[in-house]
């Protein structure tokens, strides 16, 4: 019996390694399959991330291109905003009535400087906003008073109290106006 027992154990040992090999192969296949699936999922996630990053980069390039174009288009805005109050003062000074010949020559010189400044601003795209006699437009005009004047239609600018300016299509300062009711 001991021989039979020994032989049975040997047979089991011999049969058993085949089963173990089969089980190991199956486990290896399952592990390999799960690793392949995991790697495929990681690859898909990385590909999606790459696509998003490419889209973000394209959007960034487009946005910076538009910003650069706007910077070039409106490069004179800061200068114009600084000079407009000086132009207002020039206009007030030029409206003064002077009797003295020396004062008149001084006013003529101021007028020349005023024209040079306005010409330089016009070359940069700064324009005066039309106001008197125009239909009131809240985009370009700031109504500070309303009057009743039979000579004008309703909602028409009767008087310009302060000039407005725009740079190309952007309002720098709206015109301050009186509007007919």
N, C-alpha and C. Protein backbone atom coordinates (compact mmCIF):
# COMPACT_ATOMS: atom_id res chain seq x y z
N UNK A 1 0.80 -1.17 0.00
CA UNK A 1 0.00 0.00 0.00
C UNK A 1 0.85 1.25 0.00
N UNK A 2 1.87 1.14 0.55
CA UNK A 2 2.75 2.28 0.58
C UNK A 2 3.28 2.57 -0.81
N UNK A 3 3.48 1.51 -1.61
CA UNK A 3 3.91 1.74 -2.99
C UNK A 3 2.79 2.38 -3.80
N UNK A 4 1.60 1.92 -3.58
CA UNK A 4 0.46 2.49 -4.30
C UNK A 4 0.27 3.96 -3.92
N UNK A 5 0.42 4.19 -2.67
CA UNK A 5 0.28 5.56 -2.19
C UNK A 5 1.35 6.43 -2.82
N UNK A 6 2.55 5.95 -2.85
CA UNK A 6 3.66 6.68 -3.43
C UNK A 6 3.43 6.92 -4.92
N UNK A 7 2.94 5.89 -5.60
CA UNK A 7 2.69 6.01 -7.03
C UNK A 7 1.55 7.00 -7.28
N UNK A 8 0.52 6.97 -6.48
CA UNK A 8 -0.59 7.89 -6.62
C UNK A 8 -0.12 9.33 -6.42
N UNK A 9 0.71 9.50 -5.44
CA UNK A 9 1.24 10.84 -5.19
C UNK A 9 2.09 11.32 -6.36
N UNK A 10 2.88 10.39 -6.93
CA UNK A 10 3.70 10.76 -8.07
C UNK A 10 2.83 11.12 -9.27
N UNK A 11 1.77 10.36 -9.47
CA UNK A 11 0.88 10.63 -10.59
C UNK A 11 0.18 11.99 -10.39
N UNK A 12 -0.23 12.23 -9.15
CA UNK A 12 -0.87 13.52 -8.87
C UNK A 12 0.12 14.66 -9.10
N UNK A 13 1.36 14.43 -8.69
CA UNK A 13 2.38 15.44 -8.86
C UNK A 13 2.62 15.67 -10.35
N UNK A 14 2.60 14.59 -11.10
CA UNK A 14 2.82 14.72 -12.54
C UNK A 14 1.61 15.39 -13.18
N UNK A 15 0.40 14.98 -12.81
CA UNK A 15 -0.80 15.58 -13.38
C UNK A 15 -0.99 17.01 -12.88
N UNK A 16 -0.66 17.19 -11.69
CA UNK A 16 -0.85 18.49 -11.05
C UNK A 16 -0.02 19.60 -11.72
N UNK A 17 1.24 19.37 -12.09
CA UNK A 17 1.99 20.43 -12.76
C UNK A 17 1.33 20.86 -14.05
N UNK A 18 0.70 20.00 -14.78
CA UNK A 18 0.02 20.39 -16.02
C UNK A 18 -1.13 21.35 -15.70
N UNK A 19 -1.86 21.01 -14.66
CA UNK A 19 -2.96 21.89 -14.26
C UNK A 19 -2.41 23.23 -13.79
N UNK A 20 -1.31 23.15 -13.05
CA UNK A 20 -0.70 24.40 -12.58
C UNK A 20 -0.24 25.25 -13.76
N UNK A 21 0.36 24.61 -14.76
CA UNK A 21 0.80 25.34 -15.94
C UNK A 21 -0.39 25.97 -16.67
N UNK A 22 -1.45 25.21 -16.80
CA UNK A 22 -2.65 25.72 -17.46
C UNK A 22 -3.20 26.91 -16.67
N UNK A 23 -3.26 26.76 -15.36
CA UNK A 23 -3.76 27.85 -14.52
C UNK A 23 -2.85 29.07 -14.61
N UNK A 24 -1.53 28.83 -14.61
CA UNK A 24 -0.58 29.94 -14.72
C UNK A 24 -0.74 30.66 -16.06
N UNK A 25 -0.89 29.87 -17.11
CA UNK A 25 -1.08 30.46 -18.45
C UNK A 25 -2.37 31.28 -18.47
N UNK A 26 -3.43 30.74 -17.90
CA UNK A 26 -4.70 31.47 -17.87
C UNK A 26 -4.57 32.75 -17.06
N UNK A 27 -3.89 32.65 -15.91
CA UNK A 27 -3.68 33.85 -15.08
C UNK A 27 -2.83 34.88 -15.83
N UNK A 28 -1.81 34.40 -16.51
CA UNK A 28 -0.94 35.29 -17.28
C UNK A 28 -1.74 35.96 -18.40
N UNK A 29 -2.59 35.19 -19.06
CA UNK A 29 -3.43 35.76 -20.12
C UNK A 29 -4.37 36.82 -19.55
N UNK A 30 -5.00 36.51 -18.41
CA UNK A 30 -5.90 37.48 -17.78
C UNK A 30 -5.14 38.74 -17.37
N UNK A 31 -3.97 38.53 -16.77
CA UNK A 31 -3.16 39.67 -16.35
C UNK A 31 -2.74 40.50 -17.57
N UNK A 32 -2.28 39.80 -18.61
CA UNK A 32 -1.86 40.50 -19.82
C UNK A 32 -3.04 41.24 -20.45
N UNK A 33 -4.19 40.61 -20.48
CA UNK A 33 -5.39 41.24 -21.05
C UNK A 33 -5.77 42.48 -20.24
N UNK A 34 -5.76 42.36 -18.92
CA UNK A 34 -6.12 43.52 -18.09
C UNK A 34 -5.07 44.62 -18.24
N UNK A 35 -3.78 44.23 -18.35
CA UNK A 35 -2.74 45.24 -18.55
C UNK A 35 -2.91 45.93 -19.90
N UNK A 36 -3.23 45.16 -20.93
CA UNK A 36 -3.46 45.73 -22.26
C UNK A 36 -4.65 46.69 -22.21
N UNK A 37 -5.73 46.28 -21.56
CA UNK A 37 -6.90 47.14 -21.44
C UNK A 37 -6.56 48.42 -20.68
N UNK A 38 -5.79 48.27 -19.60
CA UNK A 38 -5.40 49.43 -18.81
C UNK A 38 -4.51 50.36 -19.64
N UNK A 39 -3.55 49.79 -20.36
CA UNK A 39 -2.68 50.60 -21.21
C UNK A 39 -3.47 51.27 -22.33
N UNK A 40 -4.44 50.56 -22.89
CA UNK A 40 -5.29 51.15 -23.93
C UNK A 40 -6.09 52.32 -23.37
N UNK A 41 -6.61 52.15 -22.16
CA UNK A 41 -7.37 53.23 -21.52
C UNK A 41 -6.46 54.43 -21.25
N UNK A 42 -5.25 54.18 -20.75
CA UNK A 42 -4.30 55.26 -20.50
C UNK A 42 -3.95 55.98 -21.80
N UNK A 43 -3.75 55.19 -22.87
CA UNK A 43 -3.43 55.77 -24.18
C UNK A 43 -4.59 56.66 -24.65
N UNK A 44 -5.82 56.17 -24.51
CA UNK A 44 -6.99 56.96 -24.91
C UNK A 44 -7.08 58.25 -24.11
N UNK A 45 -6.84 58.16 -22.79
CA UNK A 45 -6.88 59.35 -21.95
C UNK A 45 -5.81 60.35 -22.35
N UNK A 46 -4.61 59.84 -22.63
CA UNK A 46 -3.52 60.73 -23.06
C UNK A 46 -3.82 61.37 -24.41
N UNK A 47 -4.44 60.62 -25.30
CA UNK A 47 -4.80 61.15 -26.61
C UNK A 47 -5.84 62.26 -26.46
N UNK A 48 -6.84 62.03 -25.61
CA UNK A 48 -7.85 63.06 -25.34
C UNK A 48 -7.20 64.31 -24.74
N UNK A 49 -6.28 64.09 -23.83
CA UNK A 49 -5.57 65.21 -23.20
C UNK A 49 -4.76 65.98 -24.24
N UNK A 50 -4.10 65.24 -25.13
CA UNK A 50 -3.34 65.87 -26.20
C UNK A 50 -4.25 66.72 -27.08
N UNK A 51 -5.41 66.18 -27.44
CA UNK A 51 -6.35 66.94 -28.28
C UNK A 51 -6.80 68.22 -27.58
N UNK A 52 -7.09 68.13 -26.27
CA UNK A 52 -7.50 69.31 -25.52
C UNK A 52 -6.39 70.34 -25.46
N UNK A 53 -5.16 69.87 -25.22
CA UNK A 53 -4.02 70.79 -25.17
C UNK A 53 -3.78 71.46 -26.52
N UNK A 54 -3.93 70.70 -27.59
CA UNK A 54 -3.79 71.30 -28.92
C UNK A 54 -4.86 72.35 -29.16
N UNK A 55 -6.09 72.06 -28.77
CA UNK A 55 -7.17 73.02 -28.93
C UNK A 55 -6.92 74.26 -28.08
N UNK A 56 -6.46 74.06 -26.84
CA UNK A 56 -6.14 75.20 -25.98
C UNK A 56 -5.04 76.05 -26.60
N UNK A 57 -4.03 75.41 -27.14
CA UNK A 57 -2.92 76.14 -27.75
C UNK A 57 -3.40 76.91 -28.98
N UNK A 58 -4.23 76.28 -29.81
CA UNK A 58 -4.77 76.97 -30.98
C UNK A 58 -5.60 78.18 -30.56
N UNK A 59 -6.43 78.00 -29.53
CA UNK A 59 -7.23 79.13 -29.03
C UNK A 59 -6.34 80.23 -28.49
N UNK A 60 -5.29 79.86 -27.77
CA UNK A 60 -4.34 80.84 -27.25
C UNK A 60 -3.69 81.62 -28.39
N UNK A 61 -3.25 80.92 -29.44
CA UNK A 61 -2.63 81.60 -30.58
C UNK A 61 -3.61 82.56 -31.25
N UNK A 62 -4.84 82.11 -31.45
CA UNK A 62 -5.85 82.98 -32.07
C UNK A 62 -6.12 84.21 -31.21
N UNK A 63 -6.27 83.98 -29.91
CA UNK A 63 -6.57 85.08 -28.99
C UNK A 63 -5.43 86.09 -28.96
N UNK A 64 -4.19 85.62 -28.91
CA UNK A 64 -3.06 86.56 -28.88
C UNK A 64 -2.93 87.29 -30.21
N UNK A 65 -3.27 86.63 -31.30
CA UNK A 65 -3.24 87.30 -32.61
C UNK A 65 -4.25 88.44 -32.64
N UNK A 66 -5.46 88.18 -32.14
CA UNK A 66 -6.50 89.22 -32.09
C UNK A 66 -6.08 90.34 -31.15
N UNK A 67 -5.50 89.99 -30.00
CA UNK A 67 -5.06 91.02 -29.06
C UNK A 67 -3.96 91.88 -29.66
N UNK A 68 -3.02 91.25 -30.37
CA UNK A 68 -1.95 92.04 -31.02
C UNK A 68 -2.53 92.97 -32.07
N UNK A 69 -3.50 92.46 -32.85
CA UNK A 69 -4.12 93.30 -33.87
C UNK A 69 -4.84 94.48 -33.22
N UNK A 70 -5.55 94.22 -32.12
CA UNK A 70 -6.23 95.31 -31.42
C UNK A 70 -5.24 96.29 -30.81
N UNK A 71 -4.14 95.77 -30.27
CA UNK A 71 -3.11 96.66 -29.73
C UNK A 71 -2.58 97.59 -30.80
N UNK A 72 -2.33 97.05 -31.99
CA UNK A 72 -1.85 97.89 -33.09
C UNK A 72 -2.93 98.86 -33.55
N UNK A 73 -4.16 98.36 -33.62
CA UNK A 73 -5.26 99.20 -34.10
C UNK A 73 -5.53 100.37 -33.15
N UNK A 74 -5.43 100.12 -31.85
CA UNK A 74 -5.77 101.14 -30.86
C UNK A 74 -4.55 101.65 -30.10
N UNK A 75 -3.38 101.58 -30.73
CA UNK A 75 -2.15 101.98 -30.03
C UNK A 75 -2.15 103.45 -29.62
N UNK A 76 -2.89 104.29 -30.31
CA UNK A 76 -2.89 105.73 -30.01
C UNK A 76 -3.92 106.10 -28.94
N UNK A 77 -4.66 105.15 -28.42
CA UNK A 77 -5.74 105.47 -27.49
C UNK A 77 -5.24 106.14 -26.22
N UNK A 78 -4.21 105.60 -25.60
CA UNK A 78 -3.70 106.19 -24.35
C UNK A 78 -3.24 107.62 -24.58
N UNK A 79 -2.51 107.83 -25.67
CA UNK A 79 -2.04 109.18 -25.99
C UNK A 79 -3.22 110.12 -26.24
N UNK A 80 -4.20 109.66 -26.99
CA UNK A 80 -5.37 110.49 -27.28
C UNK A 80 -6.12 110.84 -26.00
N UNK A 81 -6.27 109.87 -25.10
CA UNK A 81 -6.96 110.14 -23.84
C UNK A 81 -6.23 111.20 -23.02
N UNK A 82 -4.91 111.22 -23.12
CA UNK A 82 -4.12 112.23 -22.39
C UNK A 82 -4.20 113.60 -23.07
N UNK A 83 -4.27 113.62 -24.40
CA UNK A 83 -4.25 114.89 -25.13
C UNK A 83 -5.61 115.58 -25.23
N UNK A 84 -6.69 114.83 -25.14
CA UNK A 84 -8.02 115.42 -25.33
C UNK A 84 -8.32 116.53 -24.33
N UNK A 85 -8.02 116.39 -23.04
CA UNK A 85 -8.25 117.52 -22.13
C UNK A 85 -7.41 118.75 -22.51
N UNK A 86 -6.20 118.53 -23.02
CA UNK A 86 -5.38 119.65 -23.48
C UNK A 86 -6.03 120.32 -24.69
N UNK A 87 -6.61 119.53 -25.58
CA UNK A 87 -7.33 120.11 -26.73
C UNK A 87 -8.51 120.95 -26.26
N UNK A 88 -9.23 120.46 -25.24
CA UNK A 88 -10.34 121.24 -24.68
C UNK A 88 -9.84 122.60 -24.19
N UNK A 89 -8.71 122.61 -23.50
CA UNK A 89 -8.15 123.87 -23.00
C UNK A 89 -7.71 124.77 -24.15
N UNK A 90 -7.12 124.19 -25.18
CA UNK A 90 -6.75 124.97 -26.36
C UNK A 90 -7.99 125.63 -26.96
N UNK A 91 -9.07 124.87 -27.11
CA UNK A 91 -10.29 125.41 -27.71
C UNK A 91 -10.86 126.55 -26.87
N UNK A 92 -10.83 126.41 -25.56
CA UNK A 92 -11.31 127.50 -24.69
C UNK A 92 -10.43 128.74 -24.85
N UNK A 93 -9.13 128.52 -24.90
CA UNK A 93 -8.21 129.65 -25.05
C UNK A 93 -8.39 130.33 -26.40
N UNK A 94 -8.64 129.56 -27.44
CA UNK A 94 -8.81 130.13 -28.78
C UNK A 94 -10.13 130.89 -28.92
N UNK A 95 -11.09 130.63 -28.05
CA UNK A 95 -12.37 131.33 -28.10
C UNK A 95 -12.31 132.70 -27.43
N UNK A 96 -11.22 132.97 -26.74
CA UNK A 96 -11.09 134.26 -26.06
C UNK A 96 -11.00 135.38 -27.10
N UNK A 97 -11.63 136.50 -26.78
CA UNK A 97 -11.59 137.66 -27.66
C UNK A 97 -10.46 138.57 -27.17
N UNK A 98 -9.45 138.73 -28.01
CA UNK A 98 -8.31 139.57 -27.63
C UNK A 98 -8.26 140.79 -28.54
N UNK A 99 -7.89 141.93 -27.97
CA UNK A 99 -7.83 143.18 -28.72
C UNK A 99 -6.39 143.55 -29.07
N UNK A 100 -5.49 143.19 -28.23
CA UNK A 100 -4.08 143.53 -28.39
C UNK A 100 -3.47 142.76 -29.56
N UNK A 101 -2.62 143.44 -30.36
CA UNK A 101 -2.01 142.80 -31.52
C UNK A 101 -1.05 141.68 -31.10
N UNK A 102 -0.30 141.89 -30.04
CA UNK A 102 0.63 140.87 -29.55
C UNK A 102 -0.14 139.65 -29.06
N UNK A 103 -1.26 139.88 -28.40
CA UNK A 103 -2.08 138.77 -27.92
C UNK A 103 -2.68 138.01 -29.10
N UNK A 104 -3.05 138.74 -30.16
CA UNK A 104 -3.61 138.08 -31.35
C UNK A 104 -2.56 137.18 -32.00
N UNK A 105 -1.31 137.64 -32.07
CA UNK A 105 -0.24 136.81 -32.64
C UNK A 105 -0.02 135.57 -31.77
N UNK A 106 -0.11 135.75 -30.47
CA UNK A 106 0.03 134.62 -29.55
C UNK A 106 -1.10 133.61 -29.78
N UNK A 107 -2.32 134.10 -29.96
CA UNK A 107 -3.47 133.23 -30.22
C UNK A 107 -3.29 132.52 -31.56
N UNK A 108 -2.74 133.22 -32.56
CA UNK A 108 -2.48 132.58 -33.86
C UNK A 108 -1.47 131.43 -33.70
N UNK A 109 -0.44 131.65 -32.91
CA UNK A 109 0.55 130.60 -32.65
C UNK A 109 -0.08 129.41 -31.94
N UNK A 110 -0.96 129.70 -30.97
CA UNK A 110 -1.67 128.62 -30.27
C UNK A 110 -2.55 127.84 -31.24
N UNK A 111 -3.18 128.57 -32.16
CA UNK A 111 -4.05 127.93 -33.15
C UNK A 111 -3.23 126.99 -34.05
N UNK A 112 -2.02 127.41 -34.41
CA UNK A 112 -1.16 126.55 -35.24
C UNK A 112 -0.80 125.26 -34.48
N UNK A 113 -0.45 125.40 -33.21
CA UNK A 113 -0.11 124.23 -32.40
C UNK A 113 -1.34 123.32 -32.26
N UNK A 114 -2.49 123.93 -32.03
CA UNK A 114 -3.74 123.17 -31.90
C UNK A 114 -4.00 122.36 -33.17
N UNK A 115 -3.84 122.99 -34.34
CA UNK A 115 -4.08 122.29 -35.61
C UNK A 115 -3.08 121.15 -35.80
N UNK A 116 -1.83 121.37 -35.41
CA UNK A 116 -0.83 120.30 -35.55
C UNK A 116 -1.19 119.10 -34.67
N UNK A 117 -1.64 119.37 -33.48
CA UNK A 117 -2.02 118.27 -32.58
C UNK A 117 -3.23 117.52 -33.14
N UNK A 118 -4.24 118.27 -33.60
CA UNK A 118 -5.44 117.61 -34.15
C UNK A 118 -5.10 116.84 -35.42
N UNK A 119 -4.22 117.38 -36.27
CA UNK A 119 -3.81 116.66 -37.48
C UNK A 119 -3.08 115.36 -37.12
N UNK A 120 -2.20 115.42 -36.14
CA UNK A 120 -1.46 114.22 -35.72
C UNK A 120 -2.42 113.17 -35.18
N UNK A 121 -3.41 113.59 -34.40
CA UNK A 121 -4.40 112.64 -33.87
C UNK A 121 -5.24 112.04 -34.99
N UNK A 122 -5.60 112.87 -35.98
CA UNK A 122 -6.39 112.36 -37.11
C UNK A 122 -5.60 111.32 -37.89
N UNK A 123 -4.28 111.52 -38.04
CA UNK A 123 -3.45 110.54 -38.74
C UNK A 123 -3.43 109.21 -38.00
N UNK A 124 -3.61 109.25 -36.70
CA UNK A 124 -3.63 108.02 -35.89
C UNK A 124 -5.03 107.40 -35.83
N UNK A 125 -6.02 108.05 -36.46
CA UNK A 125 -7.36 107.50 -36.50
C UNK A 125 -8.33 108.10 -35.50
N UNK A 126 -7.92 109.16 -34.79
CA UNK A 126 -8.81 109.81 -33.83
C UNK A 126 -9.71 110.78 -34.59
N UNK A 127 -11.01 110.67 -34.37
CA UNK A 127 -11.98 111.53 -35.04
C UNK A 127 -12.89 112.20 -34.02
N UNK A 128 -13.38 113.39 -34.40
CA UNK A 128 -14.38 114.08 -33.59
C UNK A 128 -15.73 113.44 -33.90
N UNK A 129 -16.52 113.21 -32.88
CA UNK A 129 -17.85 112.62 -33.06
C UNK A 129 -18.82 113.74 -33.44
N UNK A 130 -19.53 113.54 -34.55
CA UNK A 130 -20.53 114.52 -34.99
C UNK A 130 -21.67 114.54 -33.97
N UNK A 131 -22.14 115.75 -33.64
CA UNK A 131 -23.17 115.83 -32.61
C UNK A 131 -24.33 116.73 -33.01
N UNK A 132 -24.10 118.03 -33.16
CA UNK A 132 -25.19 118.99 -33.37
C UNK A 132 -25.95 118.65 -34.65
N UNK A 133 -27.29 118.55 -34.49
CA UNK A 133 -28.17 118.24 -35.61
C UNK A 133 -28.30 116.74 -35.88
N UNK A 134 -27.53 115.94 -35.20
CA UNK A 134 -27.58 114.48 -35.38
C UNK A 134 -28.63 113.88 -34.46
N UNK A 135 -29.15 112.73 -34.86
CA UNK A 135 -30.06 111.98 -34.01
C UNK A 135 -29.27 111.47 -32.80
N UNK A 136 -29.84 111.60 -31.61
CA UNK A 136 -29.15 111.19 -30.39
C UNK A 136 -28.83 109.70 -30.44
N UNK A 137 -27.57 109.36 -30.19
CA UNK A 137 -27.11 107.98 -30.16
C UNK A 137 -26.36 107.77 -28.84
N UNK A 138 -26.91 106.99 -27.92
CA UNK A 138 -26.26 106.82 -26.61
C UNK A 138 -24.87 106.20 -26.68
N UNK A 139 -24.55 105.59 -27.80
CA UNK A 139 -23.21 105.03 -27.95
C UNK A 139 -22.18 106.15 -28.14
N UNK A 140 -22.59 107.25 -28.76
CA UNK A 140 -21.67 108.35 -29.07
C UNK A 140 -21.95 109.63 -28.29
N UNK A 141 -23.15 109.76 -27.75
CA UNK A 141 -23.54 111.00 -27.08
C UNK A 141 -23.94 110.73 -25.63
N UNK A 142 -23.61 111.70 -24.78
CA UNK A 142 -24.04 111.64 -23.38
C UNK A 142 -24.96 112.84 -23.16
N UNK A 143 -26.25 112.56 -22.98
CA UNK A 143 -27.23 113.63 -22.80
C UNK A 143 -27.14 114.15 -21.37
N UNK A 144 -26.87 115.45 -21.23
CA UNK A 144 -26.81 116.04 -19.90
C UNK A 144 -27.98 117.00 -19.68
N UNK A 145 -28.67 117.36 -20.77
CA UNK A 145 -29.83 118.25 -20.66
C UNK A 145 -30.83 117.88 -21.74
N UNK A 146 -32.12 118.19 -21.44
CA UNK A 146 -33.17 118.07 -22.44
C UNK A 146 -33.86 119.41 -22.54
N UNK A 147 -34.13 119.83 -23.76
CA UNK A 147 -34.81 121.10 -23.99
C UNK A 147 -35.94 120.87 -24.98
N UNK A 148 -36.82 121.88 -25.04
CA UNK A 148 -37.88 121.84 -26.05
C UNK A 148 -37.59 122.93 -27.05
N UNK A 149 -37.32 122.53 -28.28
CA UNK A 149 -37.00 123.48 -29.34
C UNK A 149 -37.78 123.06 -30.58
N UNK A 150 -38.63 123.96 -31.05
CA UNK A 150 -39.48 123.65 -32.20
C UNK A 150 -38.69 123.56 -33.50
N UNK A 151 -37.47 124.08 -33.51
CA UNK A 151 -36.64 124.05 -34.71
C UNK A 151 -36.03 122.68 -34.97
N UNK A 152 -36.08 121.80 -33.98
CA UNK A 152 -35.48 120.47 -34.11
C UNK A 152 -36.54 119.40 -33.89
N UNK A 153 -36.31 118.26 -34.53
CA UNK A 153 -37.19 117.11 -34.32
C UNK A 153 -36.89 116.50 -32.95
N UNK A 154 -37.76 115.61 -32.54
CA UNK A 154 -37.58 114.95 -31.26
C UNK A 154 -36.34 114.05 -31.29
N UNK A 155 -35.64 114.03 -30.16
CA UNK A 155 -34.46 113.17 -29.97
C UNK A 155 -33.28 113.56 -30.86
N UNK A 156 -33.20 114.83 -31.21
CA UNK A 156 -32.08 115.34 -32.02
C UNK A 156 -31.21 116.21 -31.12
N UNK A 157 -29.90 116.15 -31.33
CA UNK A 157 -28.96 116.93 -30.54
C UNK A 157 -29.09 118.40 -30.94
N UNK A 158 -29.39 119.25 -29.94
CA UNK A 158 -29.58 120.68 -30.16
C UNK A 158 -28.25 121.42 -30.02
N UNK A 159 -27.45 121.02 -29.04
CA UNK A 159 -26.19 121.72 -28.78
C UNK A 159 -25.16 120.74 -28.24
N UNK A 160 -23.91 120.96 -28.65
CA UNK A 160 -22.81 120.15 -28.13
C UNK A 160 -22.11 120.96 -27.05
N UNK A 161 -22.08 120.42 -25.83
CA UNK A 161 -21.44 121.11 -24.72
C UNK A 161 -19.95 120.76 -24.61
N UNK A 162 -19.60 119.55 -25.00
CA UNK A 162 -18.20 119.13 -25.00
C UNK A 162 -18.01 118.12 -26.13
N UNK A 163 -16.95 118.30 -26.91
CA UNK A 163 -16.69 117.41 -28.04
C UNK A 163 -16.42 115.99 -27.57
N UNK A 164 -16.86 115.08 -28.40
CA UNK A 164 -16.57 113.67 -28.17
C UNK A 164 -15.58 113.19 -29.21
N UNK A 165 -14.85 112.14 -28.88
CA UNK A 165 -13.83 111.61 -29.78
C UNK A 165 -13.93 110.10 -29.85
N UNK A 166 -13.56 109.57 -31.01
CA UNK A 166 -13.48 108.12 -31.17
C UNK A 166 -12.20 107.78 -31.91
N UNK A 167 -11.69 106.61 -31.62
CA UNK A 167 -10.51 106.08 -32.30
C UNK A 167 -10.98 104.90 -33.13
N UNK A 168 -10.98 105.10 -34.43
CA UNK A 168 -11.51 104.13 -35.38
C UNK A 168 -12.96 103.83 -35.00
N UNK A 169 -13.27 102.67 -34.44
CA UNK A 169 -14.66 102.35 -34.08
C UNK A 169 -14.89 102.35 -32.58
N UNK A 170 -13.91 102.76 -31.80
CA UNK A 170 -14.00 102.75 -30.33
C UNK A 170 -14.16 104.18 -29.81
N UNK A 171 -15.17 104.39 -28.98
CA UNK A 171 -15.40 105.71 -28.39
C UNK A 171 -14.38 105.95 -27.29
N UNK A 172 -13.67 107.07 -27.41
CA UNK A 172 -12.72 107.45 -26.36
C UNK A 172 -13.44 108.28 -25.31
N UNK A 173 -14.23 109.24 -25.80
CA UNK A 173 -15.04 110.07 -24.90
C UNK A 173 -16.31 110.45 -25.66
N UNK A 174 -17.49 110.19 -25.09
CA UNK A 174 -18.73 110.58 -25.78
C UNK A 174 -18.93 112.09 -25.74
N UNK A 175 -19.67 112.61 -26.71
CA UNK A 175 -20.00 114.03 -26.73
C UNK A 175 -21.03 114.33 -25.66
N UNK A 176 -20.83 115.41 -24.91
CA UNK A 176 -21.83 115.85 -23.93
C UNK A 176 -22.77 116.80 -24.67
N UNK A 177 -24.07 116.49 -24.66
CA UNK A 177 -25.01 117.21 -25.51
C UNK A 177 -26.32 117.56 -24.81
N UNK A 178 -27.00 118.56 -25.41
CA UNK A 178 -28.40 118.87 -25.08
C UNK A 178 -29.24 118.21 -26.15
N UNK A 179 -30.32 117.57 -25.73
CA UNK A 179 -31.17 116.84 -26.66
C UNK A 179 -32.57 117.42 -26.64
N UNK A 180 -33.18 117.52 -27.82
CA UNK A 180 -34.56 117.99 -27.92
C UNK A 180 -35.50 116.86 -27.52
N UNK A 181 -36.56 117.24 -26.77
CA UNK A 181 -37.51 116.22 -26.31
C UNK A 181 -38.37 115.70 -27.41
